[in-house]
Amino acid sequence: MKALDWAAAFTVIGLWGFNFVVAKVGVGELPPLLLLSLRFALVAVLLAPFLRALGDAWRPMLVLSVVLGGCHFGLLFIGLSGVDAGPAAIAIQLTVPFSAALAWAIYGETMGFLQMLGMLVAFTGVYILAGEPASTPSLTHLLMVVAAAFAWAVANILIKKLHRIPPMVMNAWFALLTAPQLLAVSLLVERGQAEAIAAAGWRGWGAVVYTALAASIVAYGLWYWLLAKHDVNRIVPLMLLAPVLAVFLAGVLLGEPITPRILLGGAVTITGVAMIQFLRPRRTPVMVS
């Protein structure tokens, strides 16, 4: 990759690593789905100038808004309400083995023994994390984060198919379609939205602004741009640095315990993810007769 591509990738890593800390603070002041609906409403307003006709791409864009917006973000933020930011940042890395499995199932990509072993190792690491946070373990919320990782893997395939749409146009439409979905679900399953909005302090509203500007507009704009230029399997491994940064920041800024269980589970998970990405079997050349 070129220097500009590396700079973009490391910017995404930094913004997403810190985003887990911000999101954890945000769901402590606002209901998770309400926070997300406000986040994407703000994104839609800020990116309104980029809205333009999508043509036939509106159908996959609508599907993407459900998979990435409702499923990935919804499950992740609800999961964060019961799981510390550090373990959640590690568990979301299961996107990589899920992506490898989908590539094998959908595109027939080769999966060697070491990759399959890496999948087992990665899931074992998350199993080790299942005992965290140390204060109030919640397997249900951790499983929500795992489900969010699967939704992200599916979304990455959809994003790749929408590569002809400029990143900011994609971001604008995604936010516009996602915000009302999340608000509707919030009104159905959450309570006390008005009271939470009235009581939210600068941390809650700061979380809305940061997740909208930094995590959505800047980070996802760069992410879409990188996915359009490079293979998914070349870009996704770089995100291994994001959970490491998130665990460190959560410990420093939120006082979350960095226990031996978190360190072991994180190391095992990231090792498994690295095995999947870097020990891929060589492709067999296709002979044309």
C-alpha atoms as a PDB file:
ATOM      1  CA  MET A   1       0.000   0.000   0.000  1.00  0.00           C
ATOM      2  CA  LYS A   2       1.056   3.595  -0.522  1.00  0.00           C
ATOM      3  CA  ALA A   3       1.988   5.929   2.333  1.00  0.00           C
ATOM      4  CA  LEU A   4      -1.389   7.647   2.099  1.00  0.00           C
ATOM      5  CA  ASP A   5      -3.171   4.290   2.432  1.00  0.00           C
ATOM      6  CA  TRP A   6      -1.114   3.407   5.513  1.00  0.00           C
ATOM      7  CA  ALA A   7      -1.905   6.789   7.051  1.00  0.00           C
ATOM      8  CA  ALA A   8      -5.613   6.248   6.421  1.00  0.00           C
ATOM      9  CA  ALA A   9      -5.498   2.758   7.943  1.00  0.00           C
ATOM     10  CA  PHE A  10      -3.753   3.910  11.127  1.00  0.00           C
ATOM     11  CA  THR A  11      -6.166   6.820  11.448  1.00  0.00           C
ATOM     12  CA  VAL A  12      -9.052   4.339  11.364  1.00  0.00           C
ATOM     13  CA  ILE A  13      -7.314   2.181  13.990  1.00  0.00           C
ATOM     14  CA  GLY A  14      -6.906   5.154  16.334  1.00  0.00           C
ATOM     15  CA  LEU A  15     -10.437   6.441  15.880  1.00  0.00           C
ATOM     16  CA  TRP A  16     -12.041   3.013  16.329  1.00  0.00           C
ATOM     17  CA  GLY A  17      -9.828   2.092  19.277  1.00  0.00           C
ATOM     18  CA  PHE A  18     -10.913   5.217  21.155  1.00  0.00           C
ATOM     19  CA  ASN A  19     -14.486   4.774  19.939  1.00  0.00           C
ATOM     20  CA  PHE A  20     -15.005   1.754  22.213  1.00  0.00           C
ATOM     21  CA  VAL A  21     -14.187   3.938  25.217  1.00  0.00           C
ATOM     22  CA  VAL A  22     -16.487   6.726  24.030  1.00  0.00           C
ATOM     23  CA  ALA A  23     -19.312   4.301  23.244  1.00  0.00           C
ATOM     24  CA  LYS A  24     -19.026   2.676  26.675  1.00  0.00           C
ATOM     25  CA  VAL A  25     -19.364   6.110  28.298  1.00  0.00           C
ATOM     26  CA  GLY A  26     -22.254   7.010  25.993  1.00  0.00           C
ATOM     27  CA  VAL A  27     -24.391   3.943  26.759  1.00  0.00           C
ATOM     28  CA  GLY A  28     -24.028   4.802  30.425  1.00  0.00           C
ATOM     29  CA  GLU A  29     -25.977   8.030  29.861  1.00  0.00           C
ATOM     30  CA  LEU A  30     -28.276   7.242  26.937  1.00  0.00           C
ATOM     31  CA  PRO A  31     -30.101   4.043  25.947  1.00  0.00           C
ATOM     32  CA  PRO A  32     -27.909   2.260  23.342  1.00  0.00           C
ATOM     33  CA  LEU A  33     -30.350   2.300  20.418  1.00  0.00           C
ATOM     34  CA  LEU A  34     -31.400   5.882  21.121  1.00  0.00           C
ATOM     35  CA  LEU A  35     -27.739   6.930  21.162  1.00  0.00           C
ATOM     36  CA  LEU A  36     -27.216   5.217  17.813  1.00  0.00           C
ATOM     37  CA  SER A  37     -30.297   6.812  16.261  1.00  0.00           C
ATOM     38  CA  LEU A  38     -29.055  10.252  17.360  1.00  0.00           C
ATOM     39  CA  ARG A  39     -25.595   9.437  16.025  1.00  0.00           C
ATOM     40  CA  PHE A  40     -26.797   8.508  12.562  1.00  0.00           C
ATOM     41  CA  ALA A  41     -29.344  11.329  12.457  1.00  0.00           C
ATOM     42  CA  LEU A  42     -26.461  13.752  13.005  1.00  0.00           C
ATOM     43  CA  VAL A  43     -24.402  11.998  10.319  1.00  0.00           C
ATOM     44  CA  ALA A  44     -27.327  12.196   7.879  1.00  0.00           C
ATOM     45  CA  VAL A  45     -27.706  15.937   8.487  1.00  0.00           C
ATOM     46  CA  LEU A  46     -23.996  16.651   8.106  1.00  0.00           C
ATOM     47  CA  LEU A  47     -23.681  14.563   4.942  1.00  0.00           C
ATOM     48  CA  ALA A  48     -26.965  15.657   3.345  1.00  0.00           C
ATOM     49  CA  PRO A  49     -25.093  17.501   0.532  1.00  0.00           C
ATOM     50  CA  PHE A  50     -23.691  14.139  -0.595  1.00  0.00           C
ATOM     51  CA  LEU A  51     -27.086  12.518  -1.135  1.00  0.00           C
ATOM     52  CA  ARG A  52     -27.684  11.670  -4.765  1.00  0.00           C
ATOM     53  CA  ALA A  53     -29.591   9.091  -6.768  1.00  0.00           C
ATOM     54  CA  LEU A  54     -28.326   5.539  -6.277  1.00  0.00           C
ATOM     55  CA  GLY A  55     -30.026   3.886  -9.223  1.00  0.00           C
ATOM     56  CA  ASP A  56     -30.116   0.100  -8.873  1.00  0.00           C
ATOM     57  CA  ALA A  57     -27.771   0.299  -5.878  1.00  0.00           C
ATOM     58  CA  TRP A  58     -30.566   1.390  -3.536  1.00  0.00           C
ATOM     59  CA  ARG A  59     -31.554  -2.228  -2.810  1.00  0.00           C
ATOM     60  CA  PRO A  60     -28.135  -3.411  -1.577  1.00  0.00           C
ATOM     61  CA  MET A  61     -27.776  -0.097   0.261  1.00  0.00           C
ATOM     62  CA  LEU A  62     -31.044  -0.768   2.095  1.00  0.00           C
ATOM     63  CA  VAL A  63     -29.838  -4.263   2.982  1.00  0.00           C
ATOM     64  CA  LEU A  64     -26.537  -2.788   4.206  1.00  0.00           C
ATOM     65  CA  SER A  65     -28.386  -0.341   6.457  1.00  0.00           C
ATOM     66  CA  VAL A  66     -30.194  -3.250   8.113  1.00  0.00           C
ATOM     67  CA  VAL A  67     -27.160  -5.529   8.439  1.00  0.00           C
ATOM     68  CA  LEU A  68     -24.542  -2.946   9.423  1.00  0.00           C
ATOM     69  CA  GLY A  69     -26.799  -0.386  11.090  1.00  0.00           C
ATOM     70  CA  GLY A  70     -29.495  -2.368  12.828  1.00  0.00           C
ATOM     71  CA  CYS A  71     -27.698  -5.659  13.394  1.00  0.00           C
ATOM     72  CA  HIS A  72     -24.004  -4.773  13.822  1.00  0.00           C
ATOM     73  CA  PHE A  73     -24.274  -1.430  15.589  1.00  0.00           C
ATOM     74  CA  GLY A  74     -27.454  -2.287  17.461  1.00  0.00           C
ATOM     75  CA  LEU A  75     -26.086  -5.531  18.887  1.00  0.00           C
ATOM     76  CA  LEU A  76     -22.655  -4.014  19.594  1.00  0.00           C
ATOM     77  CA  PHE A  77     -23.972  -1.039  21.565  1.00  0.00           C
ATOM     78  CA  ILE A  78     -26.471  -3.130  23.515  1.00  0.00           C
ATOM     79  CA  GLY A  79     -23.643  -5.561  24.238  1.00  0.00           C
ATOM     80  CA  LEU A  80     -21.475  -2.693  25.497  1.00  0.00           C
ATOM     81  CA  SER A  81     -24.080  -1.940  28.148  1.00  0.00           C
ATOM     82  CA  GLY A  82     -23.126  -5.225  29.844  1.00  0.00           C
ATOM     83  CA  VAL A  83     -19.522  -5.833  28.745  1.00  0.00           C
ATOM     84  CA  ASP A  84     -16.445  -3.725  29.408  1.00  0.00           C
ATOM     85  CA  ALA A  85     -15.004  -1.831  26.447  1.00  0.00           C
ATOM     86  CA  GLY A  86     -11.760  -3.841  26.372  1.00  0.00           C
ATOM     87  CA  PRO A  87     -13.266  -7.343  26.100  1.00  0.00           C
ATOM     88  CA  ALA A  88     -15.856  -6.047  23.622  1.00  0.00           C
ATOM     89  CA  ALA A  89     -13.104  -4.624  21.404  1.00  0.00           C
ATOM     90  CA  ILE A  90     -11.400  -8.018  21.421  1.00  0.00           C
ATOM     91  CA  ALA A  91     -14.565 -10.046  20.829  1.00  0.00           C
ATOM     92  CA  ILE A  92     -15.534  -7.943  17.808  1.00  0.00           C
ATOM     93  CA  GLN A  93     -12.372  -9.253  16.108  1.00  0.00           C
ATOM     94  CA  LEU A  94     -14.309 -12.445  15.406  1.00  0.00           C
ATOM     95  CA  THR A  95     -15.309 -10.521  12.296  1.00  0.00           C
ATOM     96  CA  VAL A  96     -12.150 -11.994  10.741  1.00  0.00           C
ATOM     97  CA  PRO A  97     -12.932 -15.711  11.173  1.00  0.00           C
ATOM     98  CA  PHE A  98     -16.541 -15.022  10.237  1.00  0.00           C
ATOM     99  CA  SER A  99     -15.332 -13.246   7.074  1.00  0.00           C
ATOM    100  CA  ALA A 100     -13.066 -16.184   6.208  1.00  0.00           C
ATOM    101  CA  ALA A 101     -15.942 -18.626   6.663  1.00  0.00           C
ATOM    102  CA  LEU A 102     -18.248 -16.524   4.482  1.00  0.00           C
ATOM    103  CA  ALA A 103     -15.576 -16.211   1.776  1.00  0.00           C
ATOM    104  CA  TRP A 104     -15.244 -19.993   1.797  1.00  0.00           C
ATOM    105  CA  ALA A 105     -19.024 -20.571   1.707  1.00  0.00           C
ATOM    106  CA  ILE A 106     -19.942 -17.869  -0.826  1.00  0.00           C
ATOM    107  CA  TYR A 107     -16.901 -17.484  -3.061  1.00  0.00           C
ATOM    108  CA  GLY A 108     -15.340 -20.914  -2.664  1.00  0.00           C
ATOM    109  CA  GLU A 109     -12.063 -19.476  -1.371  1.00  0.00           C
ATOM    110  CA  THR A 110      -9.556 -22.042  -0.123  1.00  0.00           C
ATOM    111  CA  MET A 111      -9.325 -22.530   3.623  1.00  0.00           C
ATOM    112  CA  GLY A 112      -6.279 -24.471   4.804  1.00  0.00           C
ATOM    113  CA  PHE A 113      -5.795 -26.462   7.988  1.00  0.00           C
ATOM    114  CA  LEU A 114      -3.973 -23.605   9.723  1.00  0.00           C
ATOM    115  CA  GLN A 115      -6.828 -21.214   8.933  1.00  0.00           C
ATOM    116  CA  MET A 116      -9.372 -23.620  10.372  1.00  0.00           C
ATOM    117  CA  LEU A 117      -7.146 -24.033  13.426  1.00  0.00           C
ATOM    118  CA  GLY A 118      -6.952 -20.241  13.665  1.00  0.00           C
ATOM    119  CA  MET A 119     -10.750 -20.037  13.747  1.00  0.00           C
ATOM    120  CA  LEU A 120     -10.807 -22.489  16.663  1.00  0.00           C
ATOM    121  CA  VAL A 121      -8.106 -20.513  18.466  1.00  0.00           C
ATOM    122  CA  ALA A 122      -9.946 -17.195  17.963  1.00  0.00           C
ATOM    123  CA  PHE A 123     -13.222 -18.540  19.321  1.00  0.00           C
ATOM    124  CA  THR A 124     -11.362 -20.108  22.237  1.00  0.00           C
ATOM    125  CA  GLY A 125      -9.960 -16.687  23.100  1.00  0.00           C
ATOM    126  CA  VAL A 126     -13.432 -15.167  23.246  1.00  0.00           C
ATOM    127  CA  TYR A 127     -14.565 -18.124  25.379  1.00  0.00           C
ATOM    128  CA  ILE A 128     -11.793 -17.242  27.836  1.00  0.00           C
ATOM    129  CA  LEU A 129     -13.078 -13.662  27.891  1.00  0.00           C
ATOM    130  CA  ALA A 130     -16.578 -14.864  28.785  1.00  0.00           C
ATOM    131  CA  GLY A 131     -15.801 -14.417  32.472  1.00  0.00           C
ATOM    132  CA  GLU A 132     -15.218 -10.667  32.056  1.00  0.00           C
ATOM    133  CA  PRO A 133     -16.009  -8.007  33.155  1.00  0.00           C
ATOM    134  CA  ALA A 134     -14.841  -9.014  36.594  1.00  0.00           C
ATOM    135  CA  SER A 135     -17.714  -7.255  38.375  1.00  0.00           C
ATOM    136  CA  THR A 136     -20.871  -8.435  36.598  1.00  0.00           C
ATOM    137  CA  PRO A 137     -20.228 -11.095  33.969  1.00  0.00           C
ATOM    138  CA  SER A 138     -22.841 -11.149  31.221  1.00  0.00           C
ATOM    139  CA  LEU A 139     -22.606 -13.961  28.714  1.00  0.00           C
ATOM    140  CA  THR A 140     -25.709 -12.655  26.948  1.00  0.00           C
ATOM    141  CA  HIS A 141     -24.135  -9.279  26.241  1.00  0.00           C
ATOM    142  CA  LEU A 142     -20.865 -10.877  25.133  1.00  0.00           C
ATOM    143  CA  LEU A 143     -22.794 -13.083  22.691  1.00  0.00           C
ATOM    144  CA  MET A 144     -24.447  -9.934  21.330  1.00  0.00           C
ATOM    145  CA  VAL A 145     -20.985  -8.556  20.563  1.00  0.00           C
ATOM    146  CA  VAL A 146     -20.101 -11.854  18.834  1.00  0.00           C
ATOM    147  CA  ALA A 147     -23.301 -11.617  16.770  1.00  0.00           C
ATOM    148  CA  ALA A 148     -22.344  -8.024  15.921  1.00  0.00           C
ATOM    149  CA  ALA A 149     -19.014  -9.336  14.618  1.00  0.00           C
ATOM    150  CA  PHE A 150     -20.839 -11.733  12.292  1.00  0.00           C
ATOM    151  CA  ALA A 151     -23.064  -8.910  11.035  1.00  0.00           C
ATOM    152  CA  TRP A 152     -19.957  -6.816  10.300  1.00  0.00           C
ATOM    153  CA  ALA A 153     -18.465  -9.697   8.288  1.00  0.00           C
ATOM    154  CA  VAL A 154     -21.624  -9.851   6.175  1.00  0.00           C
ATOM    155  CA  ALA A 155     -21.611  -6.059   5.826  1.00  0.00           C
ATOM    156  CA  ASN A 156     -18.036  -6.029   4.507  1.00  0.00           C
ATOM    157  CA  ILE A 157     -19.094  -8.265   1.639  1.00  0.00           C
ATOM    158  CA  LEU A 158     -21.998  -5.929   0.871  1.00  0.00           C
ATOM    159  CA  ILE A 159     -19.710  -2.877   1.010  1.00  0.00           C
ATOM    160  CA  LYS A 160     -17.357  -4.516  -1.473  1.00  0.00           C
ATOM    161  CA  LYS A 161     -20.266  -4.874  -3.918  1.00  0.00           C
ATOM    162  CA  LEU A 162     -21.042  -1.157  -3.524  1.00  0.00           C
ATOM    163  CA  HIS A 163     -17.480  -0.049  -4.295  1.00  0.00           C
ATOM    164  CA  ARG A 164     -18.585   2.156  -7.194  1.00  0.00           C
ATOM    165  CA  ILE A 165     -20.450   4.478  -4.834  1.00  0.00           C
ATOM    166  CA  PRO A 166     -18.221   7.267  -3.430  1.00  0.00           C
ATOM    167  CA  PRO A 167     -17.536   6.779   0.310  1.00  0.00           C
ATOM    168  CA  MET A 168     -19.296   9.955   1.456  1.00  0.00           C
ATOM    169  CA  VAL A 169     -22.351   9.184  -0.665  1.00  0.00           C
ATOM    170  CA  MET A 170     -22.462   5.703   0.842  1.00  0.00           C
ATOM    171  CA  ASN A 171     -22.063   7.111   4.342  1.00  0.00           C
ATOM    172  CA  ALA A 172     -24.832   9.657   3.788  1.00  0.00           C
ATOM    173  CA  TRP A 173     -27.363   7.137   2.511  1.00  0.00           C
ATOM    174  CA  PHE A 174     -26.392   4.595   5.152  1.00  0.00           C
ATOM    175  CA  ALA A 175     -27.015   7.104   7.942  1.00  0.00           C
ATOM    176  CA  LEU A 176     -30.280   8.350   6.425  1.00  0.00           C
ATOM    177  CA  LEU A 177     -31.639   4.787   6.147  1.00  0.00           C
ATOM    178  CA  THR A 178     -30.290   3.591   9.485  1.00  0.00           C
ATOM    179  CA  ALA A 179     -31.362   6.397  11.845  1.00  0.00           C
ATOM    180  CA  PRO A 180     -35.150   5.855  11.548  1.00  0.00           C
ATOM    181  CA  GLN A 181     -34.750   2.075  11.852  1.00  0.00           C
ATOM    182  CA  LEU A 182     -32.852   2.385  15.111  1.00  0.00           C
ATOM    183  CA  LEU A 183     -35.233   5.029  16.463  1.00  0.00           C
ATOM    184  CA  ALA A 184     -38.219   2.795  15.727  1.00  0.00           C
ATOM    185  CA  VAL A 185     -36.637  -0.163  17.503  1.00  0.00           C
ATOM    186  CA  SER A 186     -35.624   2.083  20.414  1.00  0.00           C
ATOM    187  CA  LEU A 187     -39.213   3.233  20.854  1.00  0.00           C
ATOM    188  CA  LEU A 188     -40.321  -0.410  20.865  1.00  0.00           C
ATOM    189  CA  VAL A 189     -37.808  -1.961  23.249  1.00  0.00           C
ATOM    190  CA  GLU A 190     -36.270   0.862  25.296  1.00  0.00           C
ATOM    191  CA  ARG A 191     -37.824   3.053  27.975  1.00  0.00           C
ATOM    192  CA  GLY A 192     -37.162   6.507  29.411  1.00  0.00           C
ATOM    193  CA  GLN A 193     -35.753   8.111  26.265  1.00  0.00           C
ATOM    194  CA  ALA A 194     -37.051  11.595  27.079  1.00  0.00           C
ATOM    195  CA  GLU A 195     -35.735  11.437  30.639  1.00  0.00           C
ATOM    196  CA  ALA A 196     -32.345  10.194  29.440  1.00  0.00           C
ATOM    197  CA  ILE A 197     -32.036  13.019  26.889  1.00  0.00           C
ATOM    198  CA  ALA A 198     -32.942  15.607  29.542  1.00  0.00           C
ATOM    199  CA  ALA A 199     -30.459  14.177  32.055  1.00  0.00           C
ATOM    200  CA  ALA A 200     -27.572  13.519  29.641  1.00  0.00           C
ATOM    201  CA  GLY A 201     -24.460  15.554  30.354  1.00  0.00           C
ATOM    202  CA  TRP A 202     -21.526  16.553  28.176  1.00  0.00           C
ATOM    203  CA  ARG A 203     -20.229  12.982  28.170  1.00  0.00           C
ATOM    204  CA  GLY A 204     -23.428  11.598  26.687  1.00  0.00           C
ATOM    205  CA  TRP A 205     -23.706  14.288  24.033  1.00  0.00           C
ATOM    206  CA  GLY A 206     -19.964  14.133  23.460  1.00  0.00           C
ATOM    207  CA  ALA A 207     -20.363  10.431  22.694  1.00  0.00           C
ATOM    208  CA  VAL A 208     -23.049  11.241  20.117  1.00  0.00           C
ATOM    209  CA  VAL A 209     -20.824  13.841  18.439  1.00  0.00           C
ATOM    210  CA  TYR A 210     -17.648  11.735  18.507  1.00  0.00           C
ATOM    211  CA  THR A 211     -19.305   8.583  17.206  1.00  0.00           C
ATOM    212  CA  ALA A 212     -20.962  10.617  14.448  1.00  0.00           C
ATOM    213  CA  LEU A 213     -18.028  12.764  13.330  1.00  0.00           C
ATOM    214  CA  ALA A 214     -14.933  10.711  14.099  1.00  0.00           C
ATOM    215  CA  ALA A 215     -16.158   7.111  14.059  1.00  0.00           C
ATOM    216  CA  SER A 216     -18.777   7.396  11.301  1.00  0.00           C
ATOM    217  CA  ILE A 217     -17.861  10.188   8.906  1.00  0.00           C
ATOM    218  CA  VAL A 218     -14.062  10.075   9.140  1.00  0.00           C
ATOM    219  CA  ALA A 219     -13.302   6.454  10.092  1.00  0.00           C
ATOM    220  CA  TYR A 220     -15.967   4.737   7.991  1.00  0.00           C
ATOM    221  CA  GLY A 221     -15.323   7.084   5.097  1.00  0.00           C
ATOM    222  CA  LEU A 222     -11.673   6.014   5.121  1.00  0.00           C
ATOM    223  CA  TRP A 223     -12.702   2.370   5.647  1.00  0.00           C
ATOM    224  CA  TYR A 224     -14.971   2.363   2.594  1.00  0.00           C
ATOM    225  CA  TRP A 225     -12.205   4.040   0.606  1.00  0.00           C
ATOM    226  CA  LEU A 226      -9.651   1.407   1.638  1.00  0.00           C
ATOM    227  CA  LEU A 227     -12.022  -1.478   0.913  1.00  0.00           C
ATOM    228  CA  ALA A 228     -12.645  -0.093  -2.562  1.00  0.00           C
ATOM    229  CA  LYS A 229      -8.898   0.030  -3.294  1.00  0.00           C
ATOM    230  CA  HIS A 230      -7.638  -3.159  -1.651  1.00  0.00           C
ATOM    231  CA  ASP A 231      -8.708  -6.746  -0.968  1.00  0.00           C
ATOM    232  CA  VAL A 232     -10.644  -7.247   2.257  1.00  0.00           C
ATOM    233  CA  ASN A 233      -8.045  -9.756   3.472  1.00  0.00           C
ATOM    234  CA  ARG A 234      -5.327  -7.116   3.082  1.00  0.00           C
ATOM    235  CA  ILE A 235      -7.097  -4.403   5.052  1.00  0.00           C
ATOM    236  CA  VAL A 236      -8.867  -6.314   7.826  1.00  0.00           C
ATOM    237  CA  PRO A 237      -5.638  -7.624   9.502  1.00  0.00           C
ATOM    238  CA  LEU A 238      -4.528  -4.067  10.264  1.00  0.00           C
ATOM    239  CA  MET A 239      -7.548  -3.718  12.511  1.00  0.00           C
ATOM    240  CA  LEU A 240      -5.868  -6.143  14.937  1.00  0.00           C
ATOM    241  CA  LEU A 241      -4.241  -3.079  16.470  1.00  0.00           C
ATOM    242  CA  ALA A 242      -7.578  -1.445  17.331  1.00  0.00           C
ATOM    243  CA  PRO A 243      -8.527  -3.823  20.179  1.00  0.00           C
ATOM    244  CA  VAL A 244      -5.043  -3.554  21.674  1.00  0.00           C
ATOM    245  CA  LEU A 245      -5.423   0.222  21.734  1.00  0.00           C
ATOM    246  CA  ALA A 246      -8.972  -0.065  23.091  1.00  0.00           C
ATOM    247  CA  VAL A 247      -7.934  -2.302  26.006  1.00  0.00           C
ATOM    248  CA  PHE A 248      -5.130   0.114  26.901  1.00  0.00           C
ATOM    249  CA  LEU A 249      -7.344   3.203  26.689  1.00  0.00           C
ATOM    250  CA  ALA A 250     -10.182   1.535  28.620  1.00  0.00           C
ATOM    251  CA  GLY A 251      -7.760   0.691  31.408  1.00  0.00           C
ATOM    252  CA  VAL A 252      -6.275   4.190  31.538  1.00  0.00           C
ATOM    253  CA  LEU A 253      -9.376   6.314  30.958  1.00  0.00           C
ATOM    254  CA  LEU A 254     -12.188   4.185  32.383  1.00  0.00           C
ATOM    255  CA  GLY A 255     -10.280   2.298  35.043  1.00  0.00           C
ATOM    256  CA  GLU A 256     -11.362  -1.043  33.599  1.00  0.00           C
ATOM    257  CA  PRO A 257      -9.399  -3.965  35.069  1.00  0.00           C
ATOM    258  CA  ILE A 258      -6.773  -5.387  32.740  1.00  0.00           C
ATOM    259  CA  THR A 259      -6.834  -8.821  34.336  1.00  0.00           C
ATOM    260  CA  PRO A 260      -4.771 -11.888  33.389  1.00  0.00           C
ATOM    261  CA  ARG A 261      -7.965 -13.343  31.909  1.00  0.00           C
ATOM    262  CA  ILE A 262      -8.387 -10.348  29.581  1.00  0.00           C
ATOM    263  CA  LEU A 263      -4.716 -10.464  28.569  1.00  0.00           C
ATOM    264  CA  LEU A 264      -4.850 -14.214  27.928  1.00  0.00           C
ATOM    265  CA  GLY A 265      -8.176 -14.123  26.109  1.00  0.00           C
ATOM    266  CA  GLY A 266      -7.083 -11.147  24.046  1.00  0.00           C
ATOM    267  CA  ALA A 267      -3.760 -12.746  23.126  1.00  0.00           C
ATOM    268  CA  VAL A 268      -5.435 -16.028  22.138  1.00  0.00           C
ATOM    269  CA  THR A 269      -8.127 -14.280  20.079  1.00  0.00           C
ATOM    270  CA  ILE A 270      -5.685 -12.046  18.214  1.00  0.00           C
ATOM    271  CA  THR A 271      -3.354 -15.030  17.610  1.00  0.00           C
ATOM    272  CA  GLY A 272      -6.221 -16.934  16.020  1.00  0.00           C
ATOM    273  CA  VAL A 273      -7.197 -13.950  13.880  1.00  0.00           C
ATOM    274  CA  ALA A 274      -3.568 -13.511  12.787  1.00  0.00           C
ATOM    275  CA  MET A 275      -3.359 -17.193  11.821  1.00  0.00           C
ATOM    276  CA  ILE A 276      -6.397 -16.801   9.595  1.00  0.00           C
ATOM    277  CA  GLN A 277      -5.012 -13.720   7.880  1.00  0.00           C
ATOM    278  CA  PHE A 278      -1.325 -14.468   7.508  1.00  0.00           C
ATOM    279  CA  LEU A 279      -1.251 -18.255   7.058  1.00  0.00           C
ATOM    280  CA  ARG A 280      -3.569 -18.425   4.061  1.00  0.00           C
ATOM    281  CA  PRO A 281      -2.721 -21.216   1.615  1.00  0.00           C
ATOM    282  CA  ARG A 282      -1.432 -20.134  -1.749  1.00  0.00           C
ATOM    283  CA  ARG A 283      -4.018 -20.059  -4.458  1.00  0.00           C
ATOM    284  CA  THR A 284      -3.765 -22.805  -7.013  1.00  0.00           C
ATOM    285  CA  PRO A 285      -3.423 -21.320 -10.512  1.00  0.00           C
ATOM    286  CA  VAL A 286      -6.490 -21.841 -12.657  1.00  0.00           C
ATOM    287  CA  MET A 287      -5.662 -23.655 -15.889  1.00  0.00           C
ATOM    288  CA  VAL A 288      -7.577 -22.413 -18.934  1.00  0.00           C
ATOM    289  CA  SER A 289      -7.956 -24.850 -21.802  1.00  0.00           C
END
